[in-house]
Amino acid sequence: MTSTPTSAGPDPDVSLDVPPGPGSGPGAFLFSTRESTLRTTGVRTRVPAASPGSVGAMAAATLAAERAAGNPDPLVVGAIGFAHGEARLVVPAHVHRTPTVAREAGDAPPVPPLVAPPSAPASVGTRWDFRAEPPPPRYAAAVARALEMIAEGEFEKVVLARAATLTAPEPLDVAAVLERLAARNPTGYVFAADVTDPQEAGPRTLLGNSPELLAARRGDAVVSHPLAGTAPRSPDPEEDARRGEVLARSTKDLREHALVVDRVAERLEPFCTSLEVPSAPSVTRTASLWHLGTRIEGKLRDPAPTSLQLAEALHPTPAVCGEPTGAARAAIEELEEFPRGFYTGLVGWCDAAGDGEWAVTIRCAEVAGRAVRVYAGAGVVEGSRPEAELAETAAKFRTLLHALGLEATP
């Protein structure tokens, strides 16, 4: 018999030090912000498969049924893929919430023996097998083709991604990887979710630290914080500051960002009585990247959609797909050489009242035993250059590679 979900106070077994991962059991889930950490274990029930656009409604129906069955405070947690067809959403058996231990940049633990001693960082290929999809020249060619399609008027923007599969000499320490990710971006959304395919022999964990909030709801308040427009950080303080300033003035990046903000605001507006959209983006930073970001806040109409329904209405934003959506999706199917799976989807939680948080599934990896699959993408608009977009994906790969203890970038 499945036990009733419980809430707990501070508990060392629920800290970021012990995240869900291979061997943690079906349905294991972690979602940690700077303020609080949600960890769940076990599966009370799974949200049934649903057609695109109705996942949020199916989750709400599942939560209502749980309440009717005597579950006083059920949650839905998990991840949804880029194409909606792939989803792993469950009502967990046990729920734990704790304040997050303060995260500070630079607090990452030493590189574990899995890769190499801290004094000798490993490179990709050193005791690791590595395979890129597509290789850099083919990715640059895909960007060039996308620019031709933009010039021909097929779409305004498309996000093209790369993937890399790395095989470690032994199973990864998922906890150590998450700790490094949390330390590199203390303000991000750290997550780990069981996304095991029932047809697979072993467990699969989706993990990452997303800088981007797709949708959060608290009562009648909704927030979305889209990011678009990126520049790599520099170890030299003066050069680093210059790059941030250049990004803030970049015509190409500001145009790309405006496409995303306009579409997010357009999709939120029907649900809101009021919506606040800043006139210009702010510049935010992680350990590896500068980003242009805009925090959009609204007051929801009554009855309000759930946080998952709001996230579903926003997904995919032009930040991960393109503009217009249909033409960009078609270009992605034509030009990308791998299925995205959960990359550029959404990950988070929703309670029976409709409150919750959903982050965009970027700066992420999927771990299955010794295999790690990492992803990175770049937005292609008029004025983009293939070599610059290739460099942007390399900078984004770096977040996960550093968390794995690797230095070289594919």
Protein backbone atom coordinates (compact mmCIF):
# COMPACT_ATOMS: atom_id res chain seq x y z
CA MET A 1 0.00 0.00 0.00
CA THR A 2 1.33 3.47 -0.87
CA SER A 3 1.79 5.75 2.10
CA THR A 4 0.23 9.19 2.35
CA PRO A 5 2.45 12.09 1.33
CA THR A 6 4.07 13.84 4.25
CA SER A 7 5.75 17.16 4.84
CA ALA A 8 8.89 17.38 6.91
CA GLY A 9 10.99 20.05 8.57
CA PRO A 10 14.74 20.32 8.06
CA ASP A 11 16.07 16.85 7.35
CA PRO A 12 19.65 16.11 6.28
CA ASP A 13 18.41 13.21 4.17
CA VAL A 14 16.46 15.63 1.99
CA SER A 15 19.23 18.16 1.35
CA LEU A 16 20.88 18.78 -1.98
CA ASP A 17 23.63 16.40 -0.80
CA VAL A 18 21.31 13.44 -1.39
CA PRO A 19 19.48 14.10 -4.66
CA PRO A 20 17.44 11.57 -6.54
CA GLY A 21 19.50 9.59 -8.99
CA PRO A 22 20.10 6.09 -10.28
CA GLY A 23 19.13 3.74 -7.50
CA SER A 24 16.88 6.23 -5.68
CA GLY A 25 13.74 4.52 -6.89
CA PRO A 26 10.90 5.34 -9.29
CA GLY A 27 9.55 8.86 -9.21
CA ALA A 28 12.45 10.41 -7.28
CA PHE A 29 12.47 14.19 -7.77
CA LEU A 30 14.37 17.27 -6.61
CA PHE A 31 13.62 20.94 -7.35
CA SER A 32 15.76 23.46 -5.49
CA THR A 33 15.63 27.25 -5.68
CA ARG A 34 17.61 29.74 -3.65
CA GLU A 35 14.76 29.85 -1.12
CA SER A 36 13.56 26.28 -0.73
CA THR A 37 14.15 22.69 -1.76
CA LEU A 38 11.40 20.24 -2.71
CA ARG A 39 12.27 16.58 -2.69
CA THR A 40 9.85 13.71 -3.29
CA THR A 41 10.19 9.95 -3.27
CA GLY A 42 7.99 7.07 -4.32
CA VAL A 43 4.99 7.06 -6.64
CA ARG A 44 1.41 7.19 -5.46
CA THR A 45 0.05 7.45 -9.00
CA ARG A 46 1.22 8.57 -12.43
CA VAL A 47 -0.41 11.25 -14.55
CA PRO A 48 -1.82 9.46 -17.62
CA ALA A 49 -0.55 10.32 -21.08
CA ALA A 50 -2.35 13.27 -22.64
CA SER A 51 -2.50 14.95 -26.02
CA PRO A 52 -0.52 18.16 -26.61
CA GLY A 53 -2.17 21.09 -24.89
CA SER A 54 -4.04 18.97 -22.35
CA VAL A 55 -1.25 17.79 -20.03
CA GLY A 56 -2.08 20.49 -17.48
CA ALA A 57 -5.77 19.55 -17.51
CA MET A 58 -4.90 15.87 -17.05
CA ALA A 59 -2.61 16.72 -14.14
CA ALA A 60 -5.34 18.84 -12.52
CA ALA A 61 -7.82 15.96 -12.88
CA THR A 62 -5.31 13.56 -11.33
CA LEU A 63 -4.79 15.89 -8.36
CA ALA A 64 -8.56 16.26 -7.89
CA ALA A 65 -8.95 12.48 -7.88
CA GLU A 66 -6.17 12.19 -5.30
CA ARG A 67 -7.91 14.66 -3.02
CA ALA A 68 -11.19 12.79 -3.41
CA ALA A 69 -9.36 9.60 -2.44
CA GLY A 70 -8.22 11.15 0.85
CA ASN A 71 -4.83 12.61 -0.06
CA PRO A 72 -4.99 16.00 1.72
CA ASP A 73 -2.20 17.85 -0.11
CA PRO A 74 -1.17 16.10 -3.34
CA LEU A 75 1.49 17.37 -5.74
CA VAL A 76 2.35 16.62 -9.35
CA VAL A 77 6.09 16.66 -10.04
CA GLY A 78 8.27 15.79 -13.02
CA ALA A 79 9.31 16.77 -16.52
CA ILE A 80 7.71 17.27 -19.94
CA GLY A 81 9.65 17.00 -23.19
CA PHE A 82 10.11 19.60 -25.91
CA ALA A 83 7.48 17.98 -28.13
CA HIS A 84 4.89 17.35 -25.34
CA GLY A 85 4.68 13.68 -26.35
CA GLU A 86 7.26 12.70 -23.74
CA ALA A 87 6.26 13.31 -20.13
CA ARG A 88 7.12 11.81 -16.74
CA LEU A 89 4.67 13.28 -14.22
CA VAL A 90 3.76 11.59 -10.94
CA VAL A 91 1.94 12.19 -7.69
CA PRO A 92 4.67 11.22 -5.21
CA ALA A 93 4.20 9.12 -2.11
CA HIS A 94 6.36 11.30 0.15
CA VAL A 95 6.93 15.05 -0.05
CA HIS A 96 9.63 16.96 1.83
CA ARG A 97 10.21 20.73 1.78
CA THR A 98 13.17 22.39 3.46
CA PRO A 99 14.85 25.77 3.37
CA THR A 100 17.73 25.69 0.92
CA VAL A 101 21.18 25.88 2.47
CA ALA A 102 22.73 29.14 1.26
CA ARG A 103 24.39 28.71 -2.10
CA GLU A 104 27.45 30.75 -2.86
CA ALA A 105 29.32 30.85 -6.17
CA GLY A 106 32.56 28.98 -5.89
CA ASP A 107 31.36 26.56 -3.20
CA ALA A 108 31.57 23.56 -5.55
CA PRO A 109 33.31 20.56 -4.01
CA PRO A 110 36.57 19.26 -5.49
CA VAL A 111 36.51 17.17 -8.64
CA PRO A 112 35.84 13.56 -7.56
CA PRO A 113 38.22 10.69 -8.40
CA LEU A 114 35.78 9.65 -11.14
CA VAL A 115 37.52 11.90 -13.64
CA ALA A 116 40.94 13.05 -12.49
CA PRO A 117 42.66 14.63 -9.47
CA PRO A 118 41.78 18.33 -9.04
CA SER A 119 45.34 19.25 -9.96
CA ALA A 120 44.98 17.60 -13.37
CA PRO A 121 41.53 18.35 -14.86
CA ALA A 122 40.46 15.80 -17.43
CA SER A 123 39.78 16.64 -21.06
CA VAL A 124 37.01 15.13 -23.11
CA GLY A 125 38.44 11.90 -24.42
CA THR A 126 40.64 11.30 -21.35
CA ARG A 127 39.17 8.07 -19.97
CA TRP A 128 35.82 9.14 -21.47
CA ASP A 129 34.23 8.12 -24.75
CA PHE A 130 32.73 11.07 -26.58
CA ARG A 131 30.28 11.47 -29.49
CA ALA A 132 28.88 14.80 -30.76
CA GLU A 133 25.61 15.22 -32.69
CA PRO A 134 26.20 16.90 -35.04
CA PRO A 135 29.97 17.52 -35.25
CA PRO A 136 30.88 21.25 -35.27
CA PRO A 137 31.17 21.62 -39.08
CA ARG A 138 27.71 20.15 -39.65
CA TYR A 139 26.22 22.35 -36.93
CA ALA A 140 27.73 25.45 -38.55
CA ALA A 141 26.29 24.31 -41.89
CA ALA A 142 22.83 23.93 -40.29
CA VAL A 143 23.05 27.49 -38.95
CA ALA A 144 24.04 28.73 -42.41
CA ARG A 145 21.03 26.95 -43.92
CA ALA A 146 18.75 28.45 -41.25
CA LEU A 147 20.03 31.93 -42.16
CA GLU A 148 19.13 31.24 -45.80
CA MET A 149 15.62 30.23 -44.72
CA ILE A 150 15.29 33.43 -42.66
CA ALA A 151 16.39 35.48 -45.68
CA GLU A 152 13.74 33.66 -47.75
CA GLY A 153 11.06 34.73 -45.24
CA GLU A 154 10.25 31.28 -43.79
CA PHE A 155 10.62 32.43 -40.16
CA GLU A 156 12.22 35.14 -38.00
CA LYS A 157 14.11 32.94 -35.54
CA VAL A 158 14.96 29.31 -34.94
CA VAL A 159 16.87 27.71 -32.07
CA LEU A 160 19.27 25.01 -33.25
CA ALA A 161 20.77 22.64 -30.72
CA ARG A 162 23.68 20.26 -30.37
CA ALA A 163 24.00 17.17 -28.20
CA ALA A 164 26.96 15.16 -26.96
CA THR A 165 27.02 11.72 -25.38
CA LEU A 166 29.87 11.03 -22.97
CA THR A 167 30.58 7.66 -21.42
CA ALA A 168 32.43 7.72 -18.09
CA PRO A 169 34.79 4.98 -16.89
CA GLU A 170 32.35 4.23 -14.03
CA PRO A 171 28.84 5.32 -12.93
CA LEU A 172 28.59 9.00 -12.09
CA ASP A 173 28.16 10.51 -8.66
CA VAL A 174 24.95 12.41 -9.43
CA ALA A 175 25.04 14.20 -6.05
CA ALA A 176 28.48 15.68 -6.74
CA VAL A 177 27.40 16.84 -10.20
CA LEU A 178 24.35 18.62 -8.76
CA GLU A 179 26.42 20.28 -6.04
CA ARG A 180 28.76 21.73 -8.65
CA LEU A 181 25.83 22.92 -10.77
CA ALA A 182 24.26 24.64 -7.76
CA ALA A 183 27.52 26.36 -6.85
CA ARG A 184 28.11 27.66 -10.39
CA ASN A 185 24.71 29.40 -10.54
CA PRO A 186 23.40 30.07 -7.01
CA THR A 187 20.23 31.75 -8.33
CA GLY A 188 19.24 28.94 -10.72
CA TYR A 189 16.67 26.16 -10.54
CA VAL A 190 18.54 22.97 -9.65
CA PHE A 191 16.62 19.84 -10.57
CA ALA A 192 16.85 16.08 -10.79
CA ALA A 193 13.99 13.91 -11.98
CA ASP A 194 13.49 10.23 -12.65
CA VAL A 195 12.69 10.06 -16.38
CA THR A 196 13.20 6.32 -16.78
CA ASP A 197 11.59 4.89 -19.89
CA PRO A 198 9.54 1.80 -18.94
CA GLN A 199 11.11 0.07 -21.95
CA GLU A 200 14.66 0.68 -20.68
CA ALA A 201 16.60 -1.79 -18.57
CA GLY A 202 18.03 0.76 -16.12
CA PRO A 203 17.17 4.09 -14.48
CA ARG A 204 17.61 7.44 -16.23
CA THR A 205 17.91 10.77 -14.41
CA LEU A 206 17.36 14.23 -15.86
CA LEU A 207 19.43 16.79 -13.98
CA GLY A 208 20.53 20.38 -14.41
CA ASN A 209 20.54 23.96 -13.18
CA SER A 210 18.26 26.11 -15.32
CA PRO A 211 18.64 29.90 -15.24
CA GLU A 212 15.20 30.37 -16.82
CA LEU A 213 11.79 30.40 -15.14
CA LEU A 214 8.99 29.49 -17.54
CA ALA A 215 6.07 30.07 -15.16
CA ALA A 216 5.43 30.29 -11.43
CA ARG A 217 2.03 30.81 -9.78
CA ARG A 218 1.23 31.84 -6.22
CA GLY A 219 -2.48 32.46 -5.78
CA ASP A 220 -3.47 35.03 -8.40
CA ALA A 221 0.12 36.09 -9.16
CA VAL A 222 2.06 34.72 -12.15
CA VAL A 223 5.71 35.31 -13.03
CA SER A 224 7.74 34.36 -16.09
CA HIS A 225 11.41 35.27 -16.61
CA PRO A 226 12.43 34.47 -20.20
CA LEU A 227 16.07 34.66 -21.29
CA ALA A 228 17.33 35.23 -24.83
CA GLY A 229 20.58 36.80 -25.94
CA THR A 230 23.81 35.34 -24.60
CA ALA A 231 27.52 36.14 -24.34
CA PRO A 232 30.31 34.05 -22.78
CA ARG A 233 31.95 35.25 -19.56
CA SER A 234 35.67 36.05 -19.38
CA PRO A 235 38.09 35.33 -16.52
CA ASP A 236 39.51 38.84 -16.98
CA PRO A 237 37.29 41.26 -14.97
CA GLU A 238 37.62 44.16 -17.42
CA GLU A 239 36.93 42.00 -20.46
CA ASP A 240 34.08 40.28 -18.64
CA ALA A 241 32.41 43.62 -17.85
CA ARG A 242 32.92 44.75 -21.45
CA ARG A 243 31.16 41.63 -22.75
CA GLY A 244 28.17 42.28 -20.52
CA GLU A 245 27.96 45.87 -21.72
CA VAL A 246 28.27 44.83 -25.37
CA LEU A 247 25.45 42.30 -24.90
CA ALA A 248 23.21 44.97 -23.37
CA ARG A 249 23.65 47.12 -26.52
CA SER A 250 23.69 44.35 -29.14
CA THR A 251 21.10 45.05 -31.82
CA LYS A 252 20.98 41.38 -32.84
CA ASP A 253 20.54 40.12 -29.26
CA LEU A 254 18.01 42.80 -28.30
CA ARG A 255 15.92 41.92 -31.36
CA GLU A 256 16.10 38.22 -30.48
CA HIS A 257 15.11 38.98 -26.89
CA ALA A 258 12.19 41.18 -27.91
CA LEU A 259 10.74 38.34 -30.01
CA VAL A 260 10.66 36.13 -26.92
CA VAL A 261 9.25 38.74 -24.53
CA ASP A 262 6.51 39.80 -26.95
CA ARG A 263 5.36 36.21 -27.43
CA VAL A 264 5.39 35.38 -23.69
CA ALA A 265 3.39 38.51 -22.91
CA GLU A 266 0.93 37.76 -25.73
CA ARG A 267 0.32 34.24 -24.41
CA LEU A 268 -0.07 35.35 -20.78
CA GLU A 269 -2.36 38.31 -21.46
CA PRO A 270 -5.62 36.34 -21.91
CA PHE A 271 -5.18 34.85 -18.44
CA CYS A 272 -4.47 38.16 -16.68
CA THR A 273 -6.31 41.26 -15.51
CA SER A 274 -2.99 43.12 -15.53
CA LEU A 275 0.49 42.40 -16.87
CA GLU A 276 3.74 44.23 -16.19
CA VAL A 277 6.37 43.96 -18.94
CA PRO A 278 9.57 46.02 -18.48
CA SER A 279 10.47 48.15 -21.49
CA ALA A 280 14.06 46.86 -21.60
CA PRO A 281 15.79 43.66 -20.46
CA SER A 282 18.27 43.37 -17.62
CA VAL A 283 21.63 41.65 -17.92
CA THR A 284 22.02 38.59 -15.70
CA ARG A 285 24.97 36.26 -15.30
CA THR A 286 25.90 32.73 -14.42
CA ALA A 287 29.42 31.36 -13.94
CA SER A 288 29.81 30.83 -17.70
CA LEU A 289 27.42 33.22 -19.45
CA TRP A 290 25.82 36.65 -19.62
CA HIS A 291 22.09 36.64 -20.47
CA LEU A 292 19.46 39.19 -21.38
CA GLY A 293 16.40 38.57 -19.21
CA THR A 294 13.00 40.18 -18.61
CA ARG A 295 10.85 39.46 -15.55
CA ILE A 296 7.17 39.54 -16.54
CA GLU A 297 4.56 39.67 -13.75
CA GLY A 298 0.80 39.45 -13.95
CA LYS A 299 -2.39 39.19 -11.88
CA LEU A 300 -4.54 36.24 -12.95
CA ARG A 301 -8.25 36.29 -13.74
CA ASP A 302 -10.61 34.15 -11.68
CA PRO A 303 -10.77 31.21 -12.15
CA ALA A 304 -7.03 31.03 -12.62
CA PRO A 305 -5.29 28.27 -14.58
CA THR A 306 -2.81 26.12 -12.70
CA SER A 307 0.93 26.74 -12.85
CA LEU A 308 1.29 23.76 -15.19
CA GLN A 309 -1.49 25.00 -17.46
CA LEU A 310 0.24 28.40 -17.63
CA ALA A 311 3.59 26.76 -18.39
CA GLU A 312 1.94 24.62 -21.05
CA ALA A 313 0.39 27.71 -22.66
CA LEU A 314 3.82 29.37 -22.84
CA HIS A 315 5.75 26.32 -24.07
CA PRO A 316 7.66 26.42 -26.30
CA THR A 317 8.73 30.05 -26.17
CA PRO A 318 10.82 31.51 -28.99
CA ALA A 319 13.78 31.22 -26.57
CA VAL A 320 13.91 27.45 -27.17
CA CYS A 321 12.03 27.02 -30.45
CA GLY A 322 11.72 30.09 -32.65
CA GLU A 323 9.23 32.45 -34.24
CA PRO A 324 6.70 31.69 -35.59
CA THR A 325 6.43 28.45 -33.64
CA GLY A 326 5.14 26.16 -36.38
CA ALA A 327 7.73 27.13 -38.98
CA ALA A 328 10.52 27.01 -36.41
CA ARG A 329 9.48 23.52 -35.28
CA ALA A 330 9.54 22.34 -38.88
CA ALA A 331 13.03 23.77 -39.34
CA ILE A 332 14.24 22.07 -36.15
CA GLU A 333 12.95 18.73 -37.42
CA GLU A 334 14.73 19.30 -40.72
CA LEU A 335 18.05 20.69 -39.48
CA GLU A 336 18.71 19.03 -36.11
CA GLU A 337 20.18 15.53 -36.15
CA PHE A 338 18.87 14.13 -32.86
CA PRO A 339 15.63 14.01 -30.84
CA ARG A 340 15.58 16.62 -28.06
CA GLY A 341 13.67 14.49 -25.57
CA PHE A 342 13.35 16.46 -22.32
CA TYR A 343 15.85 19.14 -23.36
CA THR A 344 14.10 22.53 -23.80
CA GLY A 345 10.97 21.11 -22.20
CA LEU A 346 9.85 21.97 -18.67
CA VAL A 347 10.50 20.62 -15.19
CA GLY A 348 8.83 21.48 -11.90
CA TRP A 349 5.82 20.95 -9.67
CA CYS A 350 2.16 21.90 -9.21
CA ASP A 351 -0.07 21.46 -6.16
CA ALA A 352 -3.81 20.85 -5.92
CA ALA A 353 -4.48 24.59 -5.46
CA GLY A 354 -2.72 25.27 -8.76
CA ASP A 355 0.39 26.90 -7.31
CA GLY A 356 3.80 25.75 -8.50
CA GLU A 357 6.99 26.48 -10.42
CA TRP A 358 8.19 25.29 -13.84
CA ALA A 359 11.67 25.95 -15.21
CA VAL A 360 12.83 25.58 -18.80
CA THR A 361 14.89 22.40 -19.09
CA ILE A 362 18.20 23.87 -20.20
CA ARG A 363 21.78 23.52 -18.84
CA CYS A 364 20.80 19.92 -18.36
CA ALA A 365 21.96 16.36 -18.89
CA GLU A 366 20.46 12.89 -18.85
CA VAL A 367 22.40 10.29 -16.87
CA ALA A 368 21.99 6.54 -17.30
CA GLY A 369 24.71 4.56 -15.56
CA ARG A 370 28.01 5.58 -17.14
CA ALA A 371 26.39 7.47 -20.04
CA VAL A 372 25.78 11.22 -19.86
CA ARG A 373 23.98 13.13 -22.61
CA VAL A 374 24.39 16.93 -22.58
CA TYR A 375 22.68 19.59 -24.71
CA ALA A 376 23.18 23.19 -25.83
CA GLY A 377 21.40 25.46 -28.29
CA ALA A 378 21.62 28.92 -29.84
CA GLY A 379 19.05 31.26 -31.35
CA VAL A 380 19.53 32.02 -35.04
CA VAL A 381 18.16 35.34 -36.30
CA GLU A 382 19.07 37.76 -39.07
CA GLY A 383 22.62 38.89 -38.32
CA SER A 384 23.68 35.62 -36.69
CA ARG A 385 27.00 34.08 -37.75
CA PRO A 386 27.55 30.30 -37.80
CA GLU A 387 30.88 30.56 -35.99
CA ALA A 388 29.36 32.73 -33.25
CA GLU A 389 26.43 30.35 -32.69
CA LEU A 390 28.85 27.42 -32.55
CA ALA A 391 30.87 29.28 -29.91
CA GLU A 392 27.68 30.00 -27.93
CA THR A 393 26.77 26.31 -27.78
CA ALA A 394 30.34 25.53 -26.67
CA ALA A 395 30.00 28.05 -23.83
CA LYS A 396 26.70 26.50 -22.77
CA PHE A 397 28.16 22.99 -22.86
CA ARG A 398 30.82 24.23 -20.46
CA THR A 399 28.33 24.47 -17.57
CA LEU A 400 27.69 20.72 -17.64
CA LEU A 401 31.23 19.73 -18.54
CA HIS A 402 32.62 21.64 -15.56
CA ALA A 403 30.06 19.95 -13.33
CA LEU A 404 31.37 16.62 -14.62
CA GLY A 405 34.94 17.71 -13.88
CA LEU A 406 35.83 18.09 -17.56
CA GLU A 407 37.53 21.11 -19.07
CA ALA A 408 37.58 20.72 -22.85
CA THR A 409 34.47 21.75 -24.81
CA PRO A 410 33.15 19.71 -27.75
